[in-house]
């Protein structure tokens, strides 16, 4: 009698191999999630500060184009919101919202933009204004608006 050896084929993975790979994925994900979350908050802060700069620049262009004095008021009508208003405090644009977790930590005052595009305080004196946008991690972005109307966000 001739015996033939049969070879047992095993396709796929064993339960142990699957558990090891699943464990490795969990460890890597656990290590990556905090840095991804912090990166998302940082990105949100950058986006928020860029939106504020864009709104100030738009208000400046509108003030010159309309030949009217306009204001950008911060934390108006509520905290974390800002809006372009005319000299009579009537809304010129829609209310803008800071993203979740972002806030104005420092605002030296409303920005008034003259018909020539220059920045003044509410008394009409040319001034440099500073707006600081922060997030829950304590990170900040500082926006500087010079008296000549130049908006800087380093």
Foldseek 3Di string as FASTA:
>chain_A
DDDDDDDDDDDDDDPVVVVVVVVVVVVVCVVCVVVVVVVVQVVLQVVQVVVVLVQLVVLLVVLQVVQFKKKWFACPPHWQWIFIAGPVRHGPDDIDGRDPFKGWPDWPGIWIAGNQSFTDHPVRHQAKIKTWMAGPVGDIWIWIAGRRGDIDTD
